[in-house]
Amino acid sequence: MSTIFHKIINREIPADIVYEDEHLLAFRDIAPQAPVHVLFVPKVDVATLNDLPRGQPELVGRLALAAADYARREGFAEDGYRIVVNCNGDGGQTVFQLHLHLLAGAPLGRFGTTL
């Protein structure tokens, strides 16, 4: 299946890319929910967290560590940030390629409240 994220990874459509390595790509969300809203996407096809192969837990670890490194590099790690992985429709997932949201740049409040 080809999603908008696959097209960004393959450079078929433009994106504001802020990080890339051999395993993942990170780019600014086009509809940000916070002053900083960056998506971290693996370059391998995994539709949802439910589809993550049990033998590849490092995939999620790479996404989380890249987000933490980005937060440190951009200078907001000490102020705080939130990472979120949505899974399937009721979980809020709209693009069916596993991805992690990094949200920061303002007080986000308690989880579950409006941003």
C-alpha atoms as a PDB file:
ATOM      1  CA  MET A   1       0.000   0.000   0.000  1.00  0.00           C
ATOM      2  CA  SER A   2       1.290   3.457  -0.822  1.00  0.00           C
ATOM      3  CA  THR A   3       0.458   6.257   1.611  1.00  0.00           C
ATOM      4  CA  ILE A   4       1.307   9.930   1.577  1.00  0.00           C
ATOM      5  CA  PHE A   5       4.207   9.048   3.911  1.00  0.00           C
ATOM      6  CA  HIS A   6       5.593   6.545   1.395  1.00  0.00           C
ATOM      7  CA  LYS A   7       5.442   9.292  -1.233  1.00  0.00           C
ATOM      8  CA  ILE A   8       7.357  11.645   1.076  1.00  0.00           C
ATOM      9  CA  ILE A   9       9.968   8.956   1.824  1.00  0.00           C
ATOM     10  CA  ASN A  10      10.352   8.327  -1.921  1.00  0.00           C
ATOM     11  CA  ARG A  11      10.554  12.095  -2.602  1.00  0.00           C
ATOM     12  CA  GLU A  12       7.484  11.949  -4.845  1.00  0.00           C
ATOM     13  CA  ILE A  13       5.929  14.846  -2.928  1.00  0.00           C
ATOM     14  CA  PRO A  14       7.694  17.601  -0.978  1.00  0.00           C
ATOM     15  CA  ALA A  15       7.912  17.843   2.794  1.00  0.00           C
ATOM     16  CA  ASP A  16       9.828  19.904   5.328  1.00  0.00           C
ATOM     17  CA  ILE A  17      12.277  17.137   6.275  1.00  0.00           C
ATOM     18  CA  VAL A  18      14.129  17.757   9.548  1.00  0.00           C
ATOM     19  CA  TYR A  19      15.916  14.421  10.014  1.00  0.00           C
ATOM     20  CA  GLU A  20      16.817  11.336   8.015  1.00  0.00           C
ATOM     21  CA  ASP A  21      18.946   8.257   8.479  1.00  0.00           C
ATOM     22  CA  GLU A  22      18.987   4.807   6.903  1.00  0.00           C
ATOM     23  CA  HIS A  23      15.993   3.676   9.016  1.00  0.00           C
ATOM     24  CA  LEU A  24      13.626   6.627   9.259  1.00  0.00           C
ATOM     25  CA  LEU A  25      12.569  10.040   8.057  1.00  0.00           C
ATOM     26  CA  ALA A  26      11.189  12.953  10.107  1.00  0.00           C
ATOM     27  CA  PHE A  27       9.268  15.919   8.760  1.00  0.00           C
ATOM     28  CA  ARG A  28       7.021  18.718  10.002  1.00  0.00           C
ATOM     29  CA  ASP A  29       3.303  17.959  10.077  1.00  0.00           C
ATOM     30  CA  ILE A  30       1.327  20.002   7.532  1.00  0.00           C
ATOM     31  CA  ALA A  31      -1.502  20.477  10.072  1.00  0.00           C
ATOM     32  CA  PRO A  32       0.404  21.034  13.338  1.00  0.00           C
ATOM     33  CA  GLN A  33      -1.343  20.467  16.646  1.00  0.00           C
ATOM     34  CA  ALA A  34       1.397  22.307  18.604  1.00  0.00           C
ATOM     35  CA  PRO A  35       4.077  24.882  17.737  1.00  0.00           C
ATOM     36  CA  VAL A  36       6.437  21.953  17.096  1.00  0.00           C
ATOM     37  CA  HIS A  37       4.801  18.948  15.444  1.00  0.00           C
ATOM     38  CA  VAL A  38       7.179  16.545  13.727  1.00  0.00           C
ATOM     39  CA  LEU A  39       6.353  13.072  12.394  1.00  0.00           C
ATOM     40  CA  PHE A  40       8.945  10.288  12.619  1.00  0.00           C
ATOM     41  CA  VAL A  41       8.290   7.532  10.080  1.00  0.00           C
ATOM     42  CA  PRO A  42      10.161   4.252   9.508  1.00  0.00           C
ATOM     43  CA  LYS A  43      11.284   3.548   5.959  1.00  0.00           C
ATOM     44  CA  VAL A  44       9.927  -0.021   6.146  1.00  0.00           C
ATOM     45  CA  ASP A  45       6.250  -0.772   5.563  1.00  0.00           C
ATOM     46  CA  VAL A  46       4.348  -1.245   8.824  1.00  0.00           C
ATOM     47  CA  ALA A  47       0.738  -0.080   8.687  1.00  0.00           C
ATOM     48  CA  THR A  48      -0.021   0.124  12.427  1.00  0.00           C
ATOM     49  CA  LEU A  49       1.596  -0.624  15.757  1.00  0.00           C
ATOM     50  CA  ASN A  50      -0.441  -3.854  15.720  1.00  0.00           C
ATOM     51  CA  ASP A  51       1.452  -4.881  12.570  1.00  0.00           C
ATOM     52  CA  LEU A  52       4.915  -4.368  14.043  1.00  0.00           C
ATOM     53  CA  PRO A  53       6.763  -7.685  13.764  1.00  0.00           C
ATOM     54  CA  ARG A  54       7.458  -9.037  17.262  1.00  0.00           C
ATOM     55  CA  GLY A  55      11.062  -9.596  16.261  1.00  0.00           C
ATOM     56  CA  GLN A  56      11.579  -5.910  15.399  1.00  0.00           C
ATOM     57  CA  PRO A  57      10.920  -3.915  18.591  1.00  0.00           C
ATOM     58  CA  GLU A  58      13.938  -1.760  17.756  1.00  0.00           C
ATOM     59  CA  LEU A  59      11.826  -0.035  15.099  1.00  0.00           C
ATOM     60  CA  VAL A  60       9.767   1.829  17.704  1.00  0.00           C
ATOM     61  CA  GLY A  61      12.888   2.415  19.777  1.00  0.00           C
ATOM     62  CA  ARG A  62      14.604   4.084  16.823  1.00  0.00           C
ATOM     63  CA  LEU A  63      11.609   6.389  16.336  1.00  0.00           C
ATOM     64  CA  ALA A  64      11.559   7.367  20.031  1.00  0.00           C
ATOM     65  CA  LEU A  65      15.322   7.891  20.262  1.00  0.00           C
ATOM     66  CA  ALA A  66      15.350   9.995  17.083  1.00  0.00           C
ATOM     67  CA  ALA A  67      12.533  12.145  18.530  1.00  0.00           C
ATOM     68  CA  ALA A  68      14.436  12.599  21.809  1.00  0.00           C
ATOM     69  CA  ASP A  69      17.634  13.495  19.927  1.00  0.00           C
ATOM     70  CA  TYR A  70      15.696  16.017  17.844  1.00  0.00           C
ATOM     71  CA  ALA A  71      14.204  17.576  21.009  1.00  0.00           C
ATOM     72  CA  ARG A  72      17.679  17.943  22.527  1.00  0.00           C
ATOM     73  CA  ARG A  73      19.168  19.323  19.304  1.00  0.00           C
ATOM     74  CA  GLU A  74      16.365  21.886  18.906  1.00  0.00           C
ATOM     75  CA  GLY A  75      16.632  22.983  22.549  1.00  0.00           C
ATOM     76  CA  PHE A  76      13.233  22.062  23.969  1.00  0.00           C
ATOM     77  CA  ALA A  77      13.985  18.704  25.596  1.00  0.00           C
ATOM     78  CA  GLU A  78      14.330  20.223  29.072  1.00  0.00           C
ATOM     79  CA  ASP A  79      11.078  22.191  28.743  1.00  0.00           C
ATOM     80  CA  GLY A  80       9.286  19.010  27.723  1.00  0.00           C
ATOM     81  CA  TYR A  81       7.569  17.345  24.813  1.00  0.00           C
ATOM     82  CA  ARG A  82       5.069  14.609  24.066  1.00  0.00           C
ATOM     83  CA  ILE A  83       5.390  11.636  21.740  1.00  0.00           C
ATOM     84  CA  VAL A  84       2.277   9.853  20.512  1.00  0.00           C
ATOM     85  CA  VAL A  85       1.646   6.773  18.393  1.00  0.00           C
ATOM     86  CA  ASN A  86      -1.951   6.404  17.197  1.00  0.00           C
ATOM     87  CA  CYS A  87      -3.208   2.944  16.240  1.00  0.00           C
ATOM     88  CA  ASN A  88      -6.170   2.371  13.913  1.00  0.00           C
ATOM     89  CA  GLY A  89      -9.272   4.494  13.528  1.00  0.00           C
ATOM     90  CA  ASP A  90     -10.493   4.691  17.120  1.00  0.00           C
ATOM     91  CA  GLY A  91      -6.928   5.525  18.167  1.00  0.00           C
ATOM     92  CA  GLY A  92      -6.872   8.492  15.797  1.00  0.00           C
ATOM     93  CA  GLN A  93      -4.640   7.029  13.079  1.00  0.00           C
ATOM     94  CA  THR A  94      -5.436   8.533   9.680  1.00  0.00           C
ATOM     95  CA  VAL A  95      -2.342   7.532   7.676  1.00  0.00           C
ATOM     96  CA  PHE A  96      -1.737   3.801   7.759  1.00  0.00           C
ATOM     97  CA  GLN A  97       2.033   3.798   7.985  1.00  0.00           C
ATOM     98  CA  LEU A  98       3.393   3.527  11.528  1.00  0.00           C
ATOM     99  CA  HIS A  99       4.595   6.925  12.738  1.00  0.00           C
ATOM    100  CA  LEU A 100       5.374   8.819  15.899  1.00  0.00           C
ATOM    101  CA  HIS A 101       4.196  12.375  16.581  1.00  0.00           C
ATOM    102  CA  LEU A 102       6.527  14.713  18.477  1.00  0.00           C
ATOM    103  CA  LEU A 103       4.623  17.663  19.971  1.00  0.00           C
ATOM    104  CA  ALA A 104       6.307  20.552  21.784  1.00  0.00           C
ATOM    105  CA  GLY A 105       6.840  24.284  21.940  1.00  0.00           C
ATOM    106  CA  ALA A 106       4.076  25.162  24.423  1.00  0.00           C
ATOM    107  CA  PRO A 107       2.581  23.698  27.604  1.00  0.00           C
ATOM    108  CA  LEU A 108       0.545  20.738  26.374  1.00  0.00           C
ATOM    109  CA  GLY A 109      -1.474  20.195  29.511  1.00  0.00           C
ATOM    110  CA  ARG A 110      -2.567  16.867  30.871  1.00  0.00           C
ATOM    111  CA  PHE A 111      -2.958  14.028  28.425  1.00  0.00           C
ATOM    112  CA  GLY A 112      -6.485  13.882  27.063  1.00  0.00           C
ATOM    113  CA  THR A 113      -7.136  17.603  27.268  1.00  0.00           C
ATOM    114  CA  THR A 114      -7.443  19.880  24.263  1.00  0.00           C
ATOM    115  CA  LEU A 115      -4.120  21.179  22.981  1.00  0.00           C
END
